[in-house]
Amino acid sequence: MKKLALVGLIPLIAGCGGLMQTGSISKAYKTYELGHYAQTLKLITQAEYISMATPELRAELTYLRAQTYQKMSEDEKANTLFEYLRDQHEDSQYGYLAAKRLEQRE
């Protein structure tokens, strides 16, 4: 009986992790819009580690991190992340957006 109860909890726990991740991402975007960039970076990191992120979600979080560094005038960090996205996620929308950002820099 205990094994059955534990097995039943696994999807519930996984679902909670997904909700926590979604909440962290939403909060990250909100704090970014409010200009609270240090908090945005913390929330991005939290979202990355709550559960396994898909490659698309990882690219989205990396793009938001790059934008945040850019707003913080940490252009070297931002450009490194944009270059990573351009090279490693070239088939995603974030790879495309990163490539456009890099073109504007030139």
C-alpha atoms as a PDB file:
ATOM      1  CA  MET A   1       0.000   0.000   0.000  1.00  0.00           C
ATOM      2  CA  LYS A   2       2.853   2.407   0.836  1.00  0.00           C
ATOM      3  CA  LYS A   3       4.494   1.727  -2.536  1.00  0.00           C
ATOM      4  CA  LEU A   4       1.242   2.562  -4.326  1.00  0.00           C
ATOM      5  CA  ALA A   5       0.918   5.821  -2.415  1.00  0.00           C
ATOM      6  CA  LEU A   6       4.502   6.791  -3.230  1.00  0.00           C
ATOM      7  CA  VAL A   7       4.063   5.955  -6.908  1.00  0.00           C
ATOM      8  CA  GLY A   8       0.949   8.126  -6.956  1.00  0.00           C
ATOM      9  CA  LEU A   9       2.901  11.062  -5.531  1.00  0.00           C
ATOM     10  CA  ILE A  10       5.561  11.071  -8.258  1.00  0.00           C
ATOM     11  CA  PRO A  11       3.389  12.710 -10.959  1.00  0.00           C
ATOM     12  CA  LEU A  12       2.106  15.185  -8.388  1.00  0.00           C
ATOM     13  CA  ILE A  13       5.634  16.163  -7.377  1.00  0.00           C
ATOM     14  CA  ALA A  14       6.728  16.430 -11.015  1.00  0.00           C
ATOM     15  CA  GLY A  15       3.703  18.582 -11.766  1.00  0.00           C
ATOM     16  CA  CYS A  16       4.517  20.895  -8.873  1.00  0.00           C
ATOM     17  CA  GLY A  17       8.065  21.284 -10.196  1.00  0.00           C
ATOM     18  CA  GLY A  18       6.662  22.295 -13.566  1.00  0.00           C
ATOM     19  CA  LEU A  19       4.360  24.839 -11.954  1.00  0.00           C
ATOM     20  CA  MET A  20       7.215  26.237  -9.879  1.00  0.00           C
ATOM     21  CA  GLN A  21       9.351  26.492 -13.016  1.00  0.00           C
ATOM     22  CA  THR A  22       6.569  28.257 -14.924  1.00  0.00           C
ATOM     23  CA  GLY A  23       6.092  30.628 -11.992  1.00  0.00           C
ATOM     24  CA  SER A  24       9.798  31.436 -11.884  1.00  0.00           C
ATOM     25  CA  ILE A  25       9.819  32.168 -15.605  1.00  0.00           C
ATOM     26  CA  SER A  26       6.777  34.433 -15.350  1.00  0.00           C
ATOM     27  CA  LYS A  27       8.312  36.262 -12.399  1.00  0.00           C
ATOM     28  CA  ALA A  28      11.599  36.593 -14.294  1.00  0.00           C
ATOM     29  CA  TYR A  29       9.854  38.347 -17.173  1.00  0.00           C
ATOM     30  CA  LYS A  30       7.964  40.607 -14.754  1.00  0.00           C
ATOM     31  CA  THR A  31      11.092  41.587 -12.851  1.00  0.00           C
ATOM     32  CA  TYR A  32      12.888  42.206 -16.154  1.00  0.00           C
ATOM     33  CA  GLU A  33      10.119  44.572 -17.257  1.00  0.00           C
ATOM     34  CA  LEU A  34      10.341  46.374 -13.910  1.00  0.00           C
ATOM     35  CA  GLY A  35      14.106  46.788 -14.267  1.00  0.00           C
ATOM     36  CA  HIS A  36      14.997  44.524 -11.344  1.00  0.00           C
ATOM     37  CA  TYR A  37      17.781  42.784 -13.214  1.00  0.00           C
ATOM     38  CA  ALA A  38      19.614  41.093 -10.336  1.00  0.00           C
ATOM     39  CA  GLN A  39      16.330  39.467  -9.269  1.00  0.00           C
ATOM     40  CA  THR A  40      15.667  38.474 -12.885  1.00  0.00           C
ATOM     41  CA  LEU A  41      18.978  36.591 -13.021  1.00  0.00           C
ATOM     42  CA  LYS A  42      18.154  34.780  -9.774  1.00  0.00           C
ATOM     43  CA  LEU A  43      14.741  33.723 -11.096  1.00  0.00           C
ATOM     44  CA  ILE A  44      16.250  32.496 -14.381  1.00  0.00           C
ATOM     45  CA  THR A  45      18.704  30.340 -12.429  1.00  0.00           C
ATOM     46  CA  GLN A  46      15.879  29.054 -10.242  1.00  0.00           C
ATOM     47  CA  ALA A  47      13.808  28.120 -13.308  1.00  0.00           C
ATOM     48  CA  GLU A  48      16.765  26.272 -14.829  1.00  0.00           C
ATOM     49  CA  TYR A  49      17.311  24.107 -11.765  1.00  0.00           C
ATOM     50  CA  ILE A  50      13.759  23.288 -10.663  1.00  0.00           C
ATOM     51  CA  SER A  51      13.425  20.568 -13.268  1.00  0.00           C
ATOM     52  CA  MET A  52      14.971  19.436 -16.504  1.00  0.00           C
ATOM     53  CA  ALA A  53      14.413  22.164 -19.053  1.00  0.00           C
ATOM     54  CA  THR A  54      13.789  21.374 -22.701  1.00  0.00           C
ATOM     55  CA  PRO A  55      16.334  22.732 -25.212  1.00  0.00           C
ATOM     56  CA  GLU A  56      13.786  25.355 -26.330  1.00  0.00           C
ATOM     57  CA  LEU A  57      13.153  26.486 -22.763  1.00  0.00           C
ATOM     58  CA  ARG A  58      16.881  26.547 -22.069  1.00  0.00           C
ATOM     59  CA  ALA A  59      17.350  28.750 -25.163  1.00  0.00           C
ATOM     60  CA  GLU A  60      14.540  31.060 -24.004  1.00  0.00           C
ATOM     61  CA  LEU A  61      16.084  31.432 -20.554  1.00  0.00           C
ATOM     62  CA  THR A  62      19.520  32.039 -22.055  1.00  0.00           C
ATOM     63  CA  TYR A  63      18.079  34.740 -24.312  1.00  0.00           C
ATOM     64  CA  LEU A  64      16.398  36.441 -21.356  1.00  0.00           C
ATOM     65  CA  ARG A  65      19.668  36.193 -19.401  1.00  0.00           C
ATOM     66  CA  ALA A  66      21.548  37.824 -22.321  1.00  0.00           C
ATOM     67  CA  GLN A  67      18.994  40.627 -22.533  1.00  0.00           C
ATOM     68  CA  THR A  68      19.288  41.161 -18.792  1.00  0.00           C
ATOM     69  CA  TYR A  69      23.074  41.402 -18.947  1.00  0.00           C
ATOM     70  CA  GLN A  70      22.720  43.871 -21.789  1.00  0.00           C
ATOM     71  CA  LYS A  71      20.424  46.052 -19.670  1.00  0.00           C
ATOM     72  CA  MET A  72      22.998  45.852 -16.872  1.00  0.00           C
ATOM     73  CA  SER A  73      25.654  47.143 -19.321  1.00  0.00           C
ATOM     74  CA  GLU A  74      27.507  43.835 -19.121  1.00  0.00           C
ATOM     75  CA  ASP A  75      27.851  43.673 -22.886  1.00  0.00           C
ATOM     76  CA  GLU A  76      30.622  41.077 -22.980  1.00  0.00           C
ATOM     77  CA  LYS A  77      28.505  38.565 -21.062  1.00  0.00           C
ATOM     78  CA  ALA A  78      25.442  39.410 -23.154  1.00  0.00           C
ATOM     79  CA  ASN A  79      27.275  39.040 -26.452  1.00  0.00           C
ATOM     80  CA  THR A  80      28.825  35.731 -25.386  1.00  0.00           C
ATOM     81  CA  LEU A  81      25.337  34.378 -24.678  1.00  0.00           C
ATOM     82  CA  PHE A  82      23.958  35.777 -27.947  1.00  0.00           C
ATOM     83  CA  GLU A  83      26.828  34.096 -29.817  1.00  0.00           C
ATOM     84  CA  TYR A  84      26.125  30.815 -28.028  1.00  0.00           C
ATOM     85  CA  LEU A  85      22.453  31.011 -29.017  1.00  0.00           C
ATOM     86  CA  ARG A  86      23.294  31.914 -32.607  1.00  0.00           C
ATOM     87  CA  ASP A  87      25.703  28.982 -32.916  1.00  0.00           C
ATOM     88  CA  GLN A  88      24.034  26.278 -30.800  1.00  0.00           C
ATOM     89  CA  HIS A  89      20.346  27.061 -31.311  1.00  0.00           C
ATOM     90  CA  GLU A  90      20.408  28.339 -34.876  1.00  0.00           C
ATOM     91  CA  ASP A  91      17.151  26.571 -35.758  1.00  0.00           C
ATOM     92  CA  SER A  92      15.199  28.122 -32.892  1.00  0.00           C
ATOM     93  CA  GLN A  93      13.586  31.524 -32.694  1.00  0.00           C
ATOM     94  CA  TYR A  94      16.061  32.490 -29.970  1.00  0.00           C
ATOM     95  CA  GLY A  95      19.020  31.625 -32.187  1.00  0.00           C
ATOM     96  CA  TYR A  96      17.512  33.821 -34.888  1.00  0.00           C
ATOM     97  CA  LEU A  97      16.832  36.688 -32.462  1.00  0.00           C
ATOM     98  CA  ALA A  98      20.347  36.422 -31.059  1.00  0.00           C
ATOM     99  CA  ALA A  99      21.852  36.556 -34.558  1.00  0.00           C
ATOM    100  CA  LYS A 100      19.825  39.719 -35.257  1.00  0.00           C
ATOM    101  CA  ARG A 101      21.058  41.293 -32.009  1.00  0.00           C
ATOM    102  CA  LEU A 102      24.642  40.532 -32.971  1.00  0.00           C
ATOM    103  CA  GLU A 103      24.143  42.024 -36.451  1.00  0.00           C
ATOM    104  CA  GLN A 104      22.856  45.243 -34.883  1.00  0.00           C
ATOM    105  CA  ARG A 105      26.001  45.418 -32.774  1.00  0.00           C
ATOM    106  CA  GLU A 106      28.245  45.533 -35.851  1.00  0.00           C
END
